[in-house]
Structure formats: structure tokens, C-alpha cells
Amino acid sequence: MRIAVTGLAQLNRGLRAIDSEAPKQLRLALNEAAELLVTKTRPKIPAVTGAARSSLKARSTRTSARVAVGGKKAPYFPWLDFGGQGRVKGRPAPRAFINEGRYVYPTLAEIRPEIEQVLQDSISAVISGAGLEED
């Protein structure tokens, strides 16, 4: 599931031509939307040690935003979210597989309008901060 902002790369290039700081602000605006998803998803994840919860991180560039999960701290996060067979003896037991996941994607579907509003507001703020008018 993706939320696409049409013309974001062109906006980034245009902002860079006007103000060298504006693309950085655009990246921060995208990070704000990704951080909203992280904030809303984190409490839904079961916590024994808290590693899976803390592994959720907002990541962004000037043209995309995403949420990173798992990593070295919680390599089992995909199993926790989607389920599956588990691994070898002593590792996680089989867990019912759910194609759409249990935490990240359902939360994204639930708060999609809110994320879209945050994106719209923050991108508008970047545009007006660069001295441009939006139409």
C-alpha cells in the first residue's frame, strides 16, 4: 500500500532552484507523515523486551518517505507482523500467516486520510516557506 504524491520530484527540483534549504524542509515534511504512522503503530505491537516496538523508524528522502522495521534489534519483526512457519528449533513457533499484516499496513489503511492531510499541510508549508503560491 502506497500513498503517492504526484509531481514530488519536480517540486523538489523547483524548490532546489529557488532555495537550497527548501528540499531539506521537504524531506522533513515527508518524515513527519512517516513518523505519524510510526506513532500510531507502535502501541499496537506486542512488547516483551520492546525491541520490536523500538525498531519502527521513519525514513525519508526528498522524494519518498517510508517506515523501516526489524533490523538487527528485531529481525523477527516480519514474523511478528505477518506470521509464518518460524525457523529452527528454539526460534519462534509457527504463527498464522496474514497477508496484509497485523500492525503496519492495517494502521496505514486506518489512518490514511490523516497521513494525506499531514502531507498536504506540510508540503503546503514548505511551498509557502519558499515564497511560492500553491494552486
C-alpha atoms as a PDB file:
ATOM      1  CA  MET A   1       0.000   0.000   0.000  1.00  0.00           C
ATOM      2  CA  ARG A   2       1.443   3.332  -1.036  1.00  0.00           C
ATOM      3  CA  ILE A   3       0.480   6.949  -0.783  1.00  0.00           C
ATOM      4  CA  ALA A   4       1.826   8.682  -3.870  1.00  0.00           C
ATOM      5  CA  VAL A   5       2.325  12.415  -4.227  1.00  0.00           C
ATOM      6  CA  THR A   6       2.217  13.270  -7.905  1.00  0.00           C
ATOM      7  CA  GLY A   7       4.888  15.740  -9.012  1.00  0.00           C
ATOM      8  CA  LEU A   8       7.002  15.458  -5.868  1.00  0.00           C
ATOM      9  CA  ALA A   9      10.292  15.041  -7.771  1.00  0.00           C
ATOM     10  CA  GLN A  10       9.501  18.067  -9.932  1.00  0.00           C
ATOM     11  CA  LEU A  11       8.576  20.066  -6.837  1.00  0.00           C
ATOM     12  CA  ASN A  12      11.877  19.088  -5.256  1.00  0.00           C
ATOM     13  CA  ARG A  13      13.834  20.264  -8.305  1.00  0.00           C
ATOM     14  CA  GLY A  14      11.901  23.528  -8.434  1.00  0.00           C
ATOM     15  CA  LEU A  15      12.424  24.200  -4.745  1.00  0.00           C
ATOM     16  CA  ARG A  16      16.132  23.486  -5.075  1.00  0.00           C
ATOM     17  CA  ALA A  17      16.373  26.109  -7.833  1.00  0.00           C
ATOM     18  CA  ILE A  18      14.732  28.723  -5.594  1.00  0.00           C
ATOM     19  CA  ASP A  19      16.198  27.943  -2.185  1.00  0.00           C
ATOM     20  CA  SER A  20      18.873  25.405  -1.276  1.00  0.00           C
ATOM     21  CA  GLU A  21      17.278  24.818   2.148  1.00  0.00           C
ATOM     22  CA  ALA A  22      13.769  24.088   0.792  1.00  0.00           C
ATOM     23  CA  PRO A  23      14.467  20.459  -0.277  1.00  0.00           C
ATOM     24  CA  LYS A  24      15.645  19.713   3.267  1.00  0.00           C
ATOM     25  CA  GLN A  25      12.355  21.094   4.557  1.00  0.00           C
ATOM     26  CA  LEU A  26      10.515  18.871   2.067  1.00  0.00           C
ATOM     27  CA  ARG A  27      12.335  15.815   3.430  1.00  0.00           C
ATOM     28  CA  LEU A  28      11.365  16.808   6.958  1.00  0.00           C
ATOM     29  CA  ALA A  29       7.743  17.226   5.842  1.00  0.00           C
ATOM     30  CA  LEU A  30       7.727  13.692   4.425  1.00  0.00           C
ATOM     31  CA  ASN A  31       9.365  12.398   7.581  1.00  0.00           C
ATOM     32  CA  GLU A  32       6.538  13.954   9.603  1.00  0.00           C
ATOM     33  CA  ALA A  33       3.985  11.816   7.746  1.00  0.00           C
ATOM     34  CA  ALA A  34       6.063   8.655   8.225  1.00  0.00           C
ATOM     35  CA  GLU A  35       6.506   9.487  11.902  1.00  0.00           C
ATOM     36  CA  LEU A  36       2.721   9.690  12.285  1.00  0.00           C
ATOM     37  CA  LEU A  37       2.445   6.089  11.077  1.00  0.00           C
ATOM     38  CA  VAL A  38       5.192   5.007  13.464  1.00  0.00           C
ATOM     39  CA  THR A  39       3.499   6.755  16.390  1.00  0.00           C
ATOM     40  CA  LYS A  40       0.111   5.177  15.682  1.00  0.00           C
ATOM     41  CA  THR A  41       1.532   1.679  15.001  1.00  0.00           C
ATOM     42  CA  ARG A  42       3.966   1.366  17.906  1.00  0.00           C
ATOM     43  CA  PRO A  43       1.378   0.845  20.709  1.00  0.00           C
ATOM     44  CA  LYS A  44      -0.281  -1.969  18.736  1.00  0.00           C
ATOM     45  CA  ILE A  45       2.861  -4.120  18.651  1.00  0.00           C
ATOM     46  CA  PRO A  46       3.192  -6.622  21.500  1.00  0.00           C
ATOM     47  CA  ALA A  47       6.172  -5.951  23.716  1.00  0.00           C
ATOM     48  CA  VAL A  48       8.188  -8.425  25.718  1.00  0.00           C
ATOM     49  CA  THR A  49      11.533  -6.624  25.529  1.00  0.00           C
ATOM     50  CA  GLY A  50      10.340  -3.636  23.493  1.00  0.00           C
ATOM     51  CA  ALA A  51      12.825  -4.317  20.681  1.00  0.00           C
ATOM     52  CA  ALA A  52      10.138  -4.812  18.029  1.00  0.00           C
ATOM     53  CA  ARG A  53       8.388  -1.591  19.010  1.00  0.00           C
ATOM     54  CA  SER A  54      11.580   0.421  19.059  1.00  0.00           C
ATOM     55  CA  SER A  55      12.637  -0.981  15.677  1.00  0.00           C
ATOM     56  CA  LEU A  56       9.957   1.083  13.885  1.00  0.00           C
ATOM     57  CA  LYS A  57      11.718   4.086  12.356  1.00  0.00           C
ATOM     58  CA  ALA A  58      10.573   6.820   9.989  1.00  0.00           C
ATOM     59  CA  ARG A  59      12.869   7.210   6.999  1.00  0.00           C
ATOM     60  CA  SER A  60      12.649   9.774   4.237  1.00  0.00           C
ATOM     61  CA  THR A  61      14.445  11.311   1.325  1.00  0.00           C
ATOM     62  CA  ARG A  62      13.461  14.434  -0.557  1.00  0.00           C
ATOM     63  CA  THR A  63      11.155  12.374  -2.770  1.00  0.00           C
ATOM     64  CA  SER A  64       9.926   9.490  -0.596  1.00  0.00           C
ATOM     65  CA  ALA A  65       9.028   8.507   2.940  1.00  0.00           C
ATOM     66  CA  ARG A  66       8.842   5.038   4.424  1.00  0.00           C
ATOM     67  CA  VAL A  67       8.816   3.141   7.677  1.00  0.00           C
ATOM     68  CA  ALA A  68      11.666   0.747   8.426  1.00  0.00           C
ATOM     69  CA  VAL A  69      11.062  -2.190  10.779  1.00  0.00           C
ATOM     70  CA  GLY A  70      13.054  -5.029  12.273  1.00  0.00           C
ATOM     71  CA  GLY A  71      16.744  -4.825  11.564  1.00  0.00           C
ATOM     72  CA  LYS A  72      19.422  -6.243  13.849  1.00  0.00           C
ATOM     73  CA  LYS A  73      17.487  -5.385  17.014  1.00  0.00           C
ATOM     74  CA  ALA A  74      14.312  -7.218  15.968  1.00  0.00           C
ATOM     75  CA  PRO A  75      14.960  -9.484  12.964  1.00  0.00           C
ATOM     76  CA  TYR A  76      11.780 -11.377  13.864  1.00  0.00           C
ATOM     77  CA  PHE A  77       9.520  -8.375  13.157  1.00  0.00           C
ATOM     78  CA  PRO A  78       8.272  -9.690   9.776  1.00  0.00           C
ATOM     79  CA  TRP A  79       7.256 -12.946  11.507  1.00  0.00           C
ATOM     80  CA  LEU A  80       5.557 -10.944  14.265  1.00  0.00           C
ATOM     81  CA  ASP A  81       3.635  -8.777  11.808  1.00  0.00           C
ATOM     82  CA  PHE A  82       2.824 -11.242   9.011  1.00  0.00           C
ATOM     83  CA  GLY A  83       3.275 -14.652  10.633  1.00  0.00           C
ATOM     84  CA  GLY A  84       4.744 -17.741   9.014  1.00  0.00           C
ATOM     85  CA  GLN A  85       6.431 -21.002   9.833  1.00  0.00           C
ATOM     86  CA  GLY A  86       9.029 -19.711  12.232  1.00  0.00           C
ATOM     87  CA  ARG A  87      12.562 -21.001  11.935  1.00  0.00           C
ATOM     88  CA  VAL A  88      14.576 -23.771  13.515  1.00  0.00           C
ATOM     89  CA  LYS A  89      14.283 -25.343  16.939  1.00  0.00           C
ATOM     90  CA  GLY A  90      14.322 -22.742  19.691  1.00  0.00           C
ATOM     91  CA  ARG A  91      13.110 -19.962  17.419  1.00  0.00           C
ATOM     92  CA  PRO A  92       9.624 -18.523  17.007  1.00  0.00           C
ATOM     93  CA  ALA A  93       6.844 -21.060  16.630  1.00  0.00           C
ATOM     94  CA  PRO A  94       4.588 -21.123  13.580  1.00  0.00           C
ATOM     95  CA  ARG A  95       2.179 -18.201  13.505  1.00  0.00           C
ATOM     96  CA  ALA A  96      -0.876 -17.850  11.272  1.00  0.00           C
ATOM     97  CA  PHE A  97       0.105 -16.002   8.111  1.00  0.00           C
ATOM     98  CA  ILE A  98      -1.838 -12.802   7.428  1.00  0.00           C
ATOM     99  CA  ASN A  99      -1.067 -11.343   4.019  1.00  0.00           C
ATOM    100  CA  GLU A 100      -1.882  -7.736   4.940  1.00  0.00           C
ATOM    101  CA  GLY A 101      -0.062  -7.965   8.260  1.00  0.00           C
ATOM    102  CA  ARG A 102      -1.214  -7.283  11.770  1.00  0.00           C
ATOM    103  CA  TYR A 103       0.252  -3.874  12.593  1.00  0.00           C
ATOM    104  CA  VAL A 104       1.874  -1.611   9.980  1.00  0.00           C
ATOM    105  CA  TYR A 105      -0.375  -1.984   6.924  1.00  0.00           C
ATOM    106  CA  PRO A 106      -3.679  -2.130   8.839  1.00  0.00           C
ATOM    107  CA  THR A 107      -2.669   1.032  10.709  1.00  0.00           C
ATOM    108  CA  LEU A 108      -1.738   2.704   7.424  1.00  0.00           C
ATOM    109  CA  ALA A 109      -5.144   1.818   5.992  1.00  0.00           C
ATOM    110  CA  GLU A 110      -6.832   3.104   9.145  1.00  0.00           C
ATOM    111  CA  ILE A 111      -5.076   6.487   9.277  1.00  0.00           C
ATOM    112  CA  ARG A 112      -4.512   7.070   5.561  1.00  0.00           C
ATOM    113  CA  PRO A 113      -6.721  10.204   5.428  1.00  0.00           C
ATOM    114  CA  GLU A 114      -4.833  11.657   8.387  1.00  0.00           C
ATOM    115  CA  ILE A 115      -1.470  10.958   6.726  1.00  0.00           C
ATOM    116  CA  GLU A 116      -2.667  12.502   3.477  1.00  0.00           C
ATOM    117  CA  GLN A 117      -3.738  15.626   5.383  1.00  0.00           C
ATOM    118  CA  VAL A 118      -0.371  15.858   7.148  1.00  0.00           C
ATOM    119  CA  LEU A 119       1.379  15.515   3.785  1.00  0.00           C
ATOM    120  CA  GLN A 120      -0.790  18.172   2.193  1.00  0.00           C
ATOM    121  CA  ASP A 121      -0.354  20.612   5.076  1.00  0.00           C
ATOM    122  CA  SER A 122       3.381  20.117   5.465  1.00  0.00           C
ATOM    123  CA  ILE A 123       4.107  20.296   1.717  1.00  0.00           C
ATOM    124  CA  SER A 124       1.998  23.464   1.532  1.00  0.00           C
ATOM    125  CA  ALA A 125       4.027  24.930   4.400  1.00  0.00           C
ATOM    126  CA  VAL A 126       7.281  24.149   2.563  1.00  0.00           C
ATOM    127  CA  ILE A 127       5.956  25.763  -0.623  1.00  0.00           C
ATOM    128  CA  SER A 128       4.805  28.927   1.162  1.00  0.00           C
ATOM    129  CA  GLY A 129       8.031  28.989   3.192  1.00  0.00           C
ATOM    130  CA  ALA A 130       9.943  29.129  -0.082  1.00  0.00           C
ATOM    131  CA  GLY A 131       7.905  32.201  -1.062  1.00  0.00           C
ATOM    132  CA  LEU A 132       5.711  30.451  -3.614  1.00  0.00           C
ATOM    133  CA  GLU A 133       1.969  30.276  -4.007  1.00  0.00           C
ATOM    134  CA  GLU A 134       0.222  26.976  -4.420  1.00  0.00           C
ATOM    135  CA  ASP A 135      -2.563  26.366  -6.885  1.00  0.00           C
END
